[in-house]
Protein backbone atom coordinates (compact mmCIF):
# COMPACT_ATOMS: atom_id res chain seq x y z
CA MET A 1 27.93 131.47 140.98
CA GLU A 2 31.29 130.37 142.37
CA ARG A 3 30.17 127.71 144.80
CA ALA A 4 31.19 124.21 143.83
CA THR A 5 28.42 121.80 142.98
CA ASN A 6 27.93 118.40 141.43
CA LYS A 7 24.19 118.83 141.09
CA SER A 8 24.43 120.02 137.50
CA ILE A 9 26.65 117.25 136.11
CA LYS A 10 23.75 116.01 133.95
CA GLN A 11 23.18 119.48 132.58
CA LYS A 12 26.87 119.85 131.80
CA ILE A 13 26.94 116.50 129.99
CA VAL A 14 23.92 117.49 127.88
CA PHE A 15 25.51 120.90 127.20
CA ALA A 16 28.74 119.23 126.06
CA GLY A 17 26.80 116.63 124.07
CA ILE A 18 24.91 119.24 122.06
CA HIS A 19 28.18 120.98 121.25
CA PHE A 20 29.82 117.68 120.28
CA ILE A 21 26.99 116.87 117.87
CA SER A 22 27.43 120.28 116.22
CA ILE A 23 31.14 119.55 115.72
CA VAL A 24 30.31 116.22 114.08
CA VAL A 25 27.80 117.95 111.78
CA ALA A 26 30.35 120.69 110.95
CA PHE A 27 32.92 118.00 110.04
CA TRP A 28 30.35 116.27 107.83
CA ILE A 29 29.51 119.55 106.08
CA ILE A 30 33.10 120.65 105.54
CA PHE A 31 34.79 117.36 104.65
CA LEU A 32 32.12 114.80 103.69
CA ASN A 33 28.84 114.61 101.77
CA GLY A 34 27.26 117.39 103.78
CA GLN A 35 28.35 119.86 101.11
CA ASN A 36 26.21 118.08 98.51
CA LEU A 37 23.15 118.11 100.75
CA ILE A 38 23.59 121.80 101.55
CA ALA A 39 24.01 122.59 97.85
CA GLY A 40 20.80 120.70 97.11
CA ILE A 41 18.88 122.61 99.77
CA PHE A 42 20.04 126.00 98.55
CA GLY A 43 20.01 125.05 94.88
CA GLN A 44 23.53 126.35 94.41
CA ALA A 45 26.85 124.57 94.06
CA THR A 46 29.33 125.14 96.87
CA ILE A 47 32.82 126.52 96.28
CA ALA A 48 35.59 123.99 95.72
CA ASN A 49 37.52 124.94 98.84
CA SER A 50 41.20 124.16 99.26
CA ASP A 51 42.01 121.45 101.77
CA LEU A 52 43.96 123.96 103.87
CA THR A 53 40.97 126.29 104.08
CA LYS A 54 38.72 123.46 105.25
CA ILE A 55 41.25 122.36 107.84
CA ILE A 56 41.70 125.87 109.26
CA ILE A 57 37.97 126.47 109.59
CA PHE A 58 37.41 123.12 111.28
CA ILE A 59 40.39 123.59 113.63
CA CYS A 60 38.82 126.84 114.86
CA ALA A 61 35.56 125.00 115.55
CA LEU A 62 37.38 122.13 117.28
CA VAL A 63 39.57 124.40 119.43
CA TYR A 64 36.51 126.21 120.72
CA PHE A 65 34.83 122.88 121.51
CA VAL A 66 37.86 121.68 123.51
CA ARG A 67 38.05 125.00 125.39
CA HIS A 68 34.34 124.82 126.13
CA ILE A 69 34.65 121.32 127.59
CA ILE A 70 37.58 122.39 129.78
CA ALA A 71 35.69 125.44 131.02
CA LEU A 72 32.50 123.47 131.61
CA PHE A 73 34.01 120.68 133.70
CA PHE A 74 37.01 122.40 135.30
CA PHE A 75 36.59 126.19 135.45
CA ILE A 76 32.85 126.55 136.04
CA LYS A 77 32.07 125.70 139.66
CA ARG A 78 28.58 127.18 139.74
CA GLU A 79 25.42 125.24 139.02
CA VAL A 80 24.39 125.11 135.36
CA ALA A 81 20.62 125.31 134.86
CA TRP A 82 18.80 123.21 132.26
CA GLY A 83 17.75 126.38 130.46
CA GLU A 84 21.37 127.42 130.05
CA ALA A 85 22.57 123.95 129.07
CA ILE A 86 19.95 123.52 126.36
CA GLY A 87 19.45 127.14 125.29
CA VAL A 88 23.10 128.17 125.06
CA GLY A 89 23.98 124.68 123.82
CA PHE A 90 21.70 125.05 120.81
CA PHE A 91 22.95 128.59 120.18
CA ILE A 92 26.51 127.28 120.03
CA ALA A 93 25.40 124.42 117.76
CA VAL A 94 23.66 126.85 115.41
CA PHE A 95 26.68 129.10 114.95
CA GLN A 96 29.13 126.20 114.63
CA ILE A 97 27.01 124.70 111.85
CA LEU A 98 26.32 128.14 110.33
CA PHE A 99 30.03 128.93 110.17
CA ALA A 100 30.66 125.59 108.44
CA ILE A 101 27.97 126.33 105.83
CA LEU A 102 29.15 129.89 105.23
CA ALA A 103 32.72 128.66 104.89
CA ILE A 104 31.94 126.21 102.08
CA TYR A 105 30.04 128.91 100.19
CA ASN A 106 32.38 131.84 100.71
CA LYS A 107 35.90 130.65 101.39
CA GLU A 108 37.78 129.51 98.31
CA LYS A 109 41.30 129.96 99.70
CA LEU A 110 43.25 131.61 102.49
CA TYR A 111 44.79 135.04 102.06
CA THR A 112 47.49 136.86 104.02
CA TYR A 113 44.94 138.62 106.23
CA ASP A 114 43.38 135.24 107.06
CA TRP A 115 46.57 134.21 108.80
CA VAL A 116 46.39 137.42 110.82
CA LEU A 117 42.78 136.56 111.70
CA LEU A 118 43.89 133.09 112.78
CA LEU A 119 46.47 134.64 115.13
CA ILE A 120 43.76 136.93 116.51
CA TYR A 121 41.51 133.90 117.03
CA PHE A 122 44.17 132.15 119.13
CA PHE A 123 44.92 135.39 120.98
CA GLY A 124 41.26 135.65 121.96
CA SER A 125 41.31 132.00 123.05
CA PHE A 126 44.39 132.74 125.14
CA LEU A 127 42.75 135.73 126.83
CA ASN A 128 39.79 133.62 127.88
CA THR A 129 41.41 130.33 128.86
CA PHE A 130 44.62 131.65 130.45
CA SER A 131 42.74 134.19 132.56
CA GLU A 132 40.32 131.50 133.78
CA LEU A 133 43.18 129.08 134.51
CA ARG A 134 45.12 131.62 136.57
CA ARG A 135 41.99 132.49 138.54
CA MET A 136 41.20 128.82 139.22
CA ILE A 137 44.74 128.17 140.52
CA TRP A 138 44.58 131.29 142.73
CA LYS A 139 41.23 130.31 144.23
CA LYS A 140 42.51 126.85 145.20
CA ASP A 141 44.92 128.50 147.66
CA GLN A 142 43.14 128.56 151.03
CA ALA A 143 44.96 131.79 151.87
CA ASN A 144 42.82 133.51 149.24
CA LYS A 145 39.48 132.30 150.59
CA GLY A 146 36.97 135.14 150.75
CA LYS A 147 39.07 137.38 148.52
CA LEU A 148 38.12 138.76 145.11
CA TYR A 149 40.51 137.82 142.32
CA THR A 150 41.82 140.96 140.60
CA GLN A 151 45.21 139.76 139.37
CA GLY A 152 46.63 138.42 136.10
CA LEU A 153 44.75 139.53 133.01
CA PHE A 154 41.83 140.61 135.19
CA LYS A 155 43.93 143.67 136.12
CA TYR A 156 43.18 145.07 132.67
CA SER A 157 39.49 144.19 132.42
CA MET A 158 36.95 142.98 134.96
CA HIS A 159 35.64 140.55 132.36
CA ILE A 160 38.73 139.84 130.25
CA ASN A 161 37.50 136.28 129.67
CA TYR A 162 34.34 137.60 127.98
CA PHE A 163 36.40 140.05 125.95
CA GLY A 164 38.56 137.14 124.79
CA ASP A 165 35.45 135.40 123.47
CA THR A 166 34.43 138.52 121.55
CA VAL A 167 37.89 138.70 119.97
CA LEU A 168 38.01 135.04 118.97
CA PHE A 169 34.45 134.91 117.61
CA THR A 170 35.01 138.05 115.54
CA ALA A 171 38.12 136.52 113.98
CA PHE A 172 36.38 133.15 113.50
CA ALA A 173 33.42 134.84 111.79
CA LEU A 174 35.67 136.75 109.39
CA LEU A 175 37.62 133.58 108.58
CA THR A 176 34.45 132.09 107.08
CA GLY A 177 34.61 134.76 104.37
CA SER A 178 31.07 135.97 105.03
CA PHE A 179 30.14 139.22 106.75
CA TRP A 180 26.82 137.60 107.70
CA ALA A 181 28.82 135.55 110.19
CA LEU A 182 29.57 138.75 112.12
CA SER A 183 26.03 138.60 113.48
CA VAL A 184 27.27 135.88 115.86
CA PRO A 185 30.00 137.89 117.68
CA ILE A 186 27.67 140.91 117.72
CA LEU A 187 24.93 138.90 119.46
CA ILE A 188 27.45 137.35 121.85
CA THR A 189 28.94 140.74 122.76
CA LEU A 190 25.52 142.29 123.33
CA GLY A 191 24.68 139.33 125.57
CA PHE A 192 27.85 139.95 127.58
CA ILE A 193 27.28 143.70 127.97
CA PHE A 194 23.56 143.73 128.69
CA TYR A 195 23.02 140.41 130.48
CA HIS A 196 26.00 138.37 131.67
CA ILE A 197 28.19 141.23 132.94
CA PRO A 198 25.44 143.05 134.91
CA GLU A 199 24.27 139.75 136.42
CA LEU A 200 27.78 138.71 137.44
CA ASP A 201 28.62 142.18 138.77
CA ASN A 202 25.55 142.17 141.00
CA TYR A 203 26.55 138.78 142.39
CA LEU A 204 30.16 139.85 143.03
CA ARG A 205 29.06 143.19 144.53
CA ASN A 206 26.85 141.40 147.05
CA LYS A 207 29.50 138.82 147.90
CA TYR A 208 32.65 140.96 148.10
CA ASN A 209 31.17 144.38 148.99
CA GLU A 210 34.03 146.91 149.40
CA GLN A 211 36.54 144.69 147.60
CA PHE A 212 34.37 144.77 144.50
CA THR A 213 33.70 148.52 144.78
CA ILE A 214 37.44 149.28 144.84
CA TYR A 215 38.07 146.92 141.93
CA GLU A 216 35.19 148.35 139.91
CA ASN A 217 36.34 151.94 140.40
CA LYS A 218 39.85 151.33 139.08
CA THR A 219 39.33 148.67 136.37
CA LYS A 220 37.70 148.82 132.94
CA LYS A 221 34.55 146.77 132.63
CA PHE A 222 35.09 144.91 129.34
CA ILE A 223 37.66 146.26 126.87
CA PRO A 224 41.08 146.92 128.44
CA TRP A 225 41.95 150.65 128.68
CA LEU A 226 38.72 151.65 126.86
CA TYR A 227 35.49 150.38 128.46
């Protein structure tokens, strides 16, 4: 998974393109005539959201898009399969558009706890992006070739980047004002625990052998200090 490759550049472009289209649709729904179309489909008028509420919701969507592009073209060195590019791409598009729709139906204004949620959203983004950035810089040092990265935020969780995504998506979902949106971070977290983490652990175990065993025995798997 860590070997550099340019073979999947087309897949990455398609992946990014699907996400970009979802951002455009979300903007149209939140700020333009998309609200009227959605209201017509559901037969119910949308809430007259404050401009600040709309801006906050869209900023969260946009920040995740920018982070995804950075990760896709700079952090991810492994090959991206077409199934992942299209499948995960459409999943991301669905929840970005879903969050936009839920926001215009459920979020009339921002409350004090919303600002706390916004801070949590950016904290989750920090956990993911900063941990990935530190690891990328460390791996570029030839002195670290063949070594397993266990430093930085990865000292507290073997998959702190995944945990960061769970944190940010939970906050993002709650910011929409709809508890239905929590289905997204729940699905994402289950995917991490039962699919992505076991798959990545098997790869790292085979590649780093004893290094990984030592790391695994002393570091929490997902949630720092808990699990």
